[in-house]
């Protein structure tokens, strides 16, 4: 069963969210975490370290290395288990209780390309 639709927002609010394509360069372990991995992501003009809860969602979190995906890049940095996350990976399925998959562009696009 799908998660309920969230409350209506304005287009102005949606336009504040900066969603970009990035290529996952590396997946690193986060010490003392049973869920989190650190993704090192190339956005063309910059790189970010983004924490994602992939350890329990995938048999091999390293399978996403080299893949492009969508990320929110203008969230305030957040510390989790002493590690800084500089964005958020978009995935599909987690809120619906199915095995999450990456939200990816249909074809190869330049890193840093904006969605929306």
N, C-alpha and C. Protein backbone atom coordinates (compact mmCIF):
# COMPACT_ATOMS: atom_id res chain seq x y z
N UNK A 1 0.84 -1.17 0.00
CA UNK A 1 0.00 0.00 0.00
C UNK A 1 0.89 1.25 0.00
N UNK A 2 0.55 2.20 -0.83
CA UNK A 2 1.34 3.42 -0.94
C UNK A 2 1.14 4.31 0.29
N UNK A 3 2.18 5.08 0.59
CA UNK A 3 2.10 6.05 1.69
C UNK A 3 1.08 7.13 1.30
N UNK A 4 0.42 7.75 2.29
CA UNK A 4 -0.55 8.79 1.98
C UNK A 4 0.11 10.00 1.33
N UNK A 5 -0.68 10.72 0.53
CA UNK A 5 -0.19 11.94 -0.12
C UNK A 5 0.05 12.99 0.95
N UNK A 6 1.18 13.67 0.85
CA UNK A 6 1.52 14.72 1.81
C UNK A 6 0.66 15.96 1.58
N UNK A 7 0.62 16.89 2.56
CA UNK A 7 -0.19 18.10 2.39
C UNK A 7 0.26 18.92 1.18
N UNK A 8 -0.67 19.65 0.61
CA UNK A 8 -0.40 20.50 -0.56
C UNK A 8 0.57 21.61 -0.18
N UNK A 9 1.52 21.88 -1.07
CA UNK A 9 2.46 22.98 -0.90
C UNK A 9 2.40 23.88 -2.12
N UNK A 10 2.94 25.08 -1.99
CA UNK A 10 2.96 26.01 -3.12
C UNK A 10 4.13 25.70 -4.04
N UNK A 11 4.02 26.13 -5.27
CA UNK A 11 5.11 25.97 -6.24
C UNK A 11 6.35 26.72 -5.77
N UNK A 12 6.14 27.85 -5.06
CA UNK A 12 7.27 28.62 -4.53
C UNK A 12 8.07 27.78 -3.53
N UNK A 13 7.36 27.05 -2.68
CA UNK A 13 8.05 26.19 -1.72
C UNK A 13 8.79 25.07 -2.44
N UNK A 14 8.16 24.45 -3.41
CA UNK A 14 8.82 23.39 -4.18
C UNK A 14 10.07 23.92 -4.88
N UNK A 15 9.99 25.12 -5.41
CA UNK A 15 11.14 25.71 -6.12
C UNK A 15 12.33 25.99 -5.20
N UNK A 16 12.12 25.97 -3.89
CA UNK A 16 13.22 26.17 -2.96
C UNK A 16 14.09 24.92 -2.79
N UNK A 17 13.54 23.76 -3.16
CA UNK A 17 14.28 22.51 -3.01
C UNK A 17 15.20 22.33 -4.22
N UNK A 18 16.50 22.21 -3.96
CA UNK A 18 17.50 22.06 -5.03
C UNK A 18 17.84 20.58 -5.18
N UNK A 19 17.27 19.96 -6.23
CA UNK A 19 17.48 18.55 -6.51
C UNK A 19 18.41 18.45 -7.71
N UNK A 20 19.52 17.73 -7.52
CA UNK A 20 20.52 17.62 -8.59
C UNK A 20 20.95 16.18 -8.82
N UNK A 21 21.46 15.96 -10.01
CA UNK A 21 22.01 14.66 -10.37
C UNK A 21 23.47 14.63 -9.92
N UNK A 22 23.85 13.53 -9.29
CA UNK A 22 25.25 13.32 -8.91
C UNK A 22 25.64 11.88 -9.17
N UNK A 23 26.93 11.67 -9.39
CA UNK A 23 27.46 10.32 -9.56
C UNK A 23 28.09 9.88 -8.25
N UNK A 24 27.72 8.70 -7.78
CA UNK A 24 28.26 8.16 -6.54
C UNK A 24 29.66 7.62 -6.83
N UNK A 25 30.67 8.29 -6.26
CA UNK A 25 32.06 7.91 -6.48
C UNK A 25 32.52 6.78 -5.56
N UNK A 26 32.10 6.87 -4.30
CA UNK A 26 32.52 5.88 -3.31
C UNK A 26 31.40 5.65 -2.30
N UNK A 27 31.41 4.46 -1.72
CA UNK A 27 30.55 4.12 -0.59
C UNK A 27 31.48 3.70 0.53
N UNK A 28 31.39 4.37 1.68
CA UNK A 28 32.27 4.10 2.80
C UNK A 28 31.45 3.71 4.03
N UNK A 29 32.06 2.89 4.85
CA UNK A 29 31.42 2.48 6.10
C UNK A 29 31.34 3.66 7.07
N UNK A 30 30.29 3.71 7.85
CA UNK A 30 30.16 4.67 8.95
C UNK A 30 30.36 3.85 10.22
N UNK A 31 31.46 4.10 10.94
CA UNK A 31 31.73 3.31 12.15
C UNK A 31 30.56 3.36 13.13
N UNK A 32 30.32 2.26 13.76
CA UNK A 32 29.30 2.12 14.80
C UNK A 32 27.86 2.28 14.29
N UNK A 33 27.64 2.16 12.99
CA UNK A 33 26.28 2.25 12.46
C UNK A 33 25.88 0.94 11.82
N UNK A 34 24.66 0.51 12.13
CA UNK A 34 24.13 -0.69 11.49
C UNK A 34 23.32 -0.35 10.25
N UNK A 35 23.06 0.96 10.02
CA UNK A 35 22.24 1.38 8.88
C UNK A 35 22.98 2.26 7.88
N UNK A 36 23.80 3.19 8.39
CA UNK A 36 24.33 4.25 7.54
C UNK A 36 25.60 3.88 6.78
N UNK A 37 25.69 4.40 5.55
CA UNK A 37 26.93 4.43 4.79
C UNK A 37 27.15 5.87 4.34
N UNK A 38 28.39 6.20 4.03
CA UNK A 38 28.74 7.53 3.53
C UNK A 38 28.91 7.42 2.02
N UNK A 39 28.16 8.23 1.30
CA UNK A 39 28.30 8.31 -0.15
C UNK A 39 29.13 9.54 -0.48
N UNK A 40 30.18 9.37 -1.26
CA UNK A 40 30.93 10.51 -1.78
C UNK A 40 30.40 10.72 -3.20
N UNK A 41 29.80 11.91 -3.41
CA UNK A 41 29.04 12.16 -4.63
C UNK A 41 29.63 13.33 -5.40
N UNK A 42 29.79 13.15 -6.71
CA UNK A 42 30.30 14.19 -7.61
C UNK A 42 29.12 14.91 -8.25
N UNK A 43 29.05 16.23 -8.02
CA UNK A 43 28.02 17.07 -8.61
C UNK A 43 28.59 18.00 -9.69
N UNK A 44 29.70 17.64 -10.26
CA UNK A 44 30.31 18.45 -11.31
C UNK A 44 31.24 19.49 -10.73
N UNK A 45 30.70 20.59 -10.24
CA UNK A 45 31.50 21.68 -9.68
C UNK A 45 31.88 21.46 -8.22
N UNK A 46 31.27 20.47 -7.58
CA UNK A 46 31.55 20.21 -6.17
C UNK A 46 31.26 18.75 -5.84
N UNK A 47 31.82 18.29 -4.72
CA UNK A 47 31.53 16.96 -4.20
C UNK A 47 30.92 17.12 -2.82
N UNK A 48 30.14 16.13 -2.42
CA UNK A 48 29.52 16.13 -1.11
C UNK A 48 29.64 14.75 -0.48
N UNK A 49 29.64 14.75 0.85
CA UNK A 49 29.54 13.54 1.64
C UNK A 49 28.10 13.46 2.14
N UNK A 50 27.39 12.41 1.75
CA UNK A 50 25.98 12.27 2.07
C UNK A 50 25.76 10.91 2.74
N UNK A 51 25.16 10.94 3.92
CA UNK A 51 24.88 9.69 4.63
C UNK A 51 23.53 9.14 4.17
N UNK A 52 23.50 7.82 3.98
CA UNK A 52 22.28 7.16 3.54
C UNK A 52 22.13 5.84 4.28
N UNK A 53 20.91 5.50 4.64
CA UNK A 53 20.63 4.27 5.39
C UNK A 53 20.50 3.07 4.49
N UNK A 54 21.59 2.67 3.86
CA UNK A 54 21.55 1.59 2.87
C UNK A 54 21.98 0.22 3.39
N UNK A 55 22.61 0.16 4.54
CA UNK A 55 23.18 -1.12 4.98
C UNK A 55 22.14 -2.22 5.12
N UNK A 56 20.96 -1.89 5.61
CA UNK A 56 19.94 -2.91 5.80
C UNK A 56 19.01 -3.03 4.59
N UNK A 57 19.14 -2.11 3.64
CA UNK A 57 18.27 -2.11 2.47
C UNK A 57 18.85 -2.90 1.30
N UNK A 58 20.16 -3.06 1.29
CA UNK A 58 20.84 -3.71 0.17
C UNK A 58 21.83 -4.74 0.69
N UNK A 59 21.96 -5.85 -0.02
CA UNK A 59 22.97 -6.83 0.36
C UNK A 59 24.36 -6.24 0.21
N UNK A 60 24.55 -5.45 -0.85
CA UNK A 60 25.85 -4.85 -1.13
C UNK A 60 25.67 -3.36 -1.45
N UNK A 61 25.79 -2.47 -0.46
CA UNK A 61 25.62 -1.04 -0.74
C UNK A 61 26.62 -0.51 -1.77
N UNK A 62 27.74 -1.20 -1.96
CA UNK A 62 28.76 -0.74 -2.91
C UNK A 62 28.30 -0.88 -4.37
N UNK A 63 27.18 -1.58 -4.59
CA UNK A 63 26.68 -1.78 -5.96
C UNK A 63 26.25 -0.46 -6.61
N UNK A 64 26.09 0.60 -5.83
CA UNK A 64 25.65 1.89 -6.40
C UNK A 64 26.82 2.75 -6.86
N UNK A 65 28.06 2.32 -6.61
CA UNK A 65 29.23 3.09 -7.05
C UNK A 65 29.18 3.22 -8.58
N UNK A 66 29.39 4.45 -9.06
CA UNK A 66 29.37 4.73 -10.49
C UNK A 66 28.00 5.06 -11.03
N UNK A 67 26.97 4.94 -10.21
CA UNK A 67 25.60 5.23 -10.66
C UNK A 67 25.24 6.69 -10.42
N UNK A 68 24.46 7.24 -11.33
CA UNK A 68 23.90 8.57 -11.13
C UNK A 68 22.60 8.42 -10.35
N UNK A 69 22.29 9.41 -9.52
CA UNK A 69 21.05 9.42 -8.76
C UNK A 69 20.68 10.87 -8.46
N UNK A 70 19.48 11.05 -7.92
CA UNK A 70 19.00 12.38 -7.54
C UNK A 70 19.26 12.61 -6.05
N UNK A 71 19.68 13.84 -5.73
CA UNK A 71 20.00 14.23 -4.36
C UNK A 71 19.46 15.62 -4.09
N UNK A 72 19.04 15.86 -2.86
CA UNK A 72 18.72 17.22 -2.41
C UNK A 72 20.03 17.79 -1.89
N UNK A 73 20.46 18.93 -2.45
CA UNK A 73 21.77 19.48 -2.10
C UNK A 73 21.71 20.74 -1.25
N UNK A 74 20.50 21.26 -0.97
CA UNK A 74 20.44 22.49 -0.18
C UNK A 74 19.79 22.30 1.19
N UNK A 75 19.85 21.08 1.72
CA UNK A 75 19.44 20.86 3.11
C UNK A 75 20.56 21.34 4.03
N UNK A 76 20.20 21.79 5.20
CA UNK A 76 21.23 22.15 6.18
C UNK A 76 22.04 20.90 6.52
N UNK A 77 23.36 21.01 6.61
CA UNK A 77 24.17 19.85 7.01
C UNK A 77 23.69 19.31 8.35
N UNK A 78 23.75 17.98 8.48
CA UNK A 78 23.24 17.34 9.69
C UNK A 78 24.25 16.31 10.18
N UNK A 79 24.50 16.31 11.50
CA UNK A 79 25.39 15.32 12.09
C UNK A 79 24.58 14.10 12.53
N UNK A 80 25.09 12.93 12.17
CA UNK A 80 24.51 11.67 12.59
C UNK A 80 25.65 10.77 13.04
N UNK A 81 25.60 10.29 14.26
CA UNK A 81 26.67 9.46 14.83
C UNK A 81 28.03 10.12 14.68
N UNK A 82 28.05 11.44 14.82
CA UNK A 82 29.30 12.18 14.74
C UNK A 82 29.79 12.43 13.32
N UNK A 83 29.03 12.01 12.32
CA UNK A 83 29.40 12.18 10.91
C UNK A 83 28.49 13.25 10.30
N UNK A 84 29.04 14.09 9.42
CA UNK A 84 28.28 15.16 8.79
C UNK A 84 27.71 14.70 7.45
N UNK A 85 26.41 14.91 7.27
CA UNK A 85 25.76 14.64 5.99
C UNK A 85 25.42 15.97 5.34
N UNK A 86 25.81 16.12 4.07
CA UNK A 86 25.65 17.39 3.35
C UNK A 86 24.58 17.32 2.26
N UNK A 87 23.53 16.57 2.52
CA UNK A 87 22.46 16.45 1.54
C UNK A 87 21.64 15.21 1.83
N UNK A 88 20.78 14.85 0.85
CA UNK A 88 19.93 13.68 1.02
C UNK A 88 19.77 12.96 -0.30
N UNK A 89 19.95 11.65 -0.27
CA UNK A 89 19.70 10.80 -1.42
C UNK A 89 18.20 10.65 -1.62
N UNK A 90 17.73 10.81 -2.85
CA UNK A 90 16.35 10.47 -3.17
C UNK A 90 16.30 8.99 -3.48
N UNK A 91 15.42 8.27 -2.84
CA UNK A 91 15.18 6.90 -3.25
C UNK A 91 13.68 6.69 -3.35
N UNK A 92 13.31 5.57 -3.92
CA UNK A 92 11.91 5.27 -4.16
C UNK A 92 11.56 3.99 -3.42
N UNK A 93 10.49 4.00 -2.65
CA UNK A 93 10.00 2.78 -2.05
C UNK A 93 10.06 2.70 -0.54
N UNK A 94 11.01 3.38 0.10
CA UNK A 94 11.19 3.24 1.54
C UNK A 94 9.91 3.56 2.30
N UNK A 95 9.28 4.69 1.99
CA UNK A 95 8.06 5.11 2.71
C UNK A 95 6.91 4.15 2.49
N UNK A 96 6.99 3.35 1.44
CA UNK A 96 5.93 2.40 1.12
C UNK A 96 6.23 0.98 1.60
N UNK A 97 7.36 0.82 2.28
CA UNK A 97 7.69 -0.49 2.82
C UNK A 97 8.19 -1.49 1.80
N UNK A 98 8.67 -1.01 0.66
CA UNK A 98 9.27 -1.91 -0.33
C UNK A 98 10.77 -1.64 -0.40
N UNK A 99 11.50 -2.59 -0.95
CA UNK A 99 12.96 -2.42 -1.05
C UNK A 99 13.26 -1.16 -1.85
N UNK A 100 13.95 -0.19 -1.24
CA UNK A 100 14.23 1.06 -1.94
C UNK A 100 15.15 0.89 -3.15
N UNK A 101 14.89 1.71 -4.15
CA UNK A 101 15.74 1.79 -5.34
C UNK A 101 16.11 3.25 -5.54
N UNK A 102 17.18 3.50 -6.25
CA UNK A 102 17.61 4.87 -6.53
C UNK A 102 16.63 5.57 -7.47
N UNK A 103 16.43 6.86 -7.24
CA UNK A 103 15.72 7.71 -8.20
C UNK A 103 16.81 8.20 -9.17
N UNK A 104 16.71 7.77 -10.42
CA UNK A 104 17.79 8.02 -11.38
C UNK A 104 17.28 8.72 -12.63
N UNK A 105 18.16 9.46 -13.32
CA UNK A 105 17.75 10.04 -14.60
C UNK A 105 17.58 8.93 -15.64
N UNK A 106 16.75 9.20 -16.62
CA UNK A 106 16.46 8.23 -17.69
C UNK A 106 17.71 7.90 -18.50
N UNK A 107 18.57 8.88 -18.68
CA UNK A 107 19.81 8.69 -19.42
C UNK A 107 20.92 9.46 -18.75
N UNK A 108 22.14 9.27 -19.20
CA UNK A 108 23.29 9.96 -18.64
C UNK A 108 23.16 11.46 -18.88
N UNK A 109 23.32 12.25 -17.82
CA UNK A 109 23.29 13.71 -17.90
C UNK A 109 24.49 14.25 -17.13
N UNK A 110 24.89 15.49 -17.39
CA UNK A 110 26.03 16.04 -16.66
C UNK A 110 25.75 16.10 -15.16
N UNK A 111 26.74 15.75 -14.35
CA UNK A 111 26.63 15.88 -12.89
C UNK A 111 26.31 17.33 -12.56
N UNK A 112 25.42 17.52 -11.61
CA UNK A 112 25.01 18.86 -11.20
C UNK A 112 23.76 19.34 -11.91
N UNK A 113 23.28 18.58 -12.91
CA UNK A 113 22.03 18.98 -13.60
C UNK A 113 20.89 19.01 -12.59
N UNK A 114 20.06 20.05 -12.69
CA UNK A 114 18.96 20.22 -11.74
C UNK A 114 17.70 19.50 -12.21
N UNK A 115 16.97 18.95 -11.26
CA UNK A 115 15.67 18.34 -11.54
C UNK A 115 14.60 19.39 -11.29
N UNK A 116 13.49 19.26 -11.99
CA UNK A 116 12.35 20.15 -11.76
C UNK A 116 12.21 21.22 -12.80
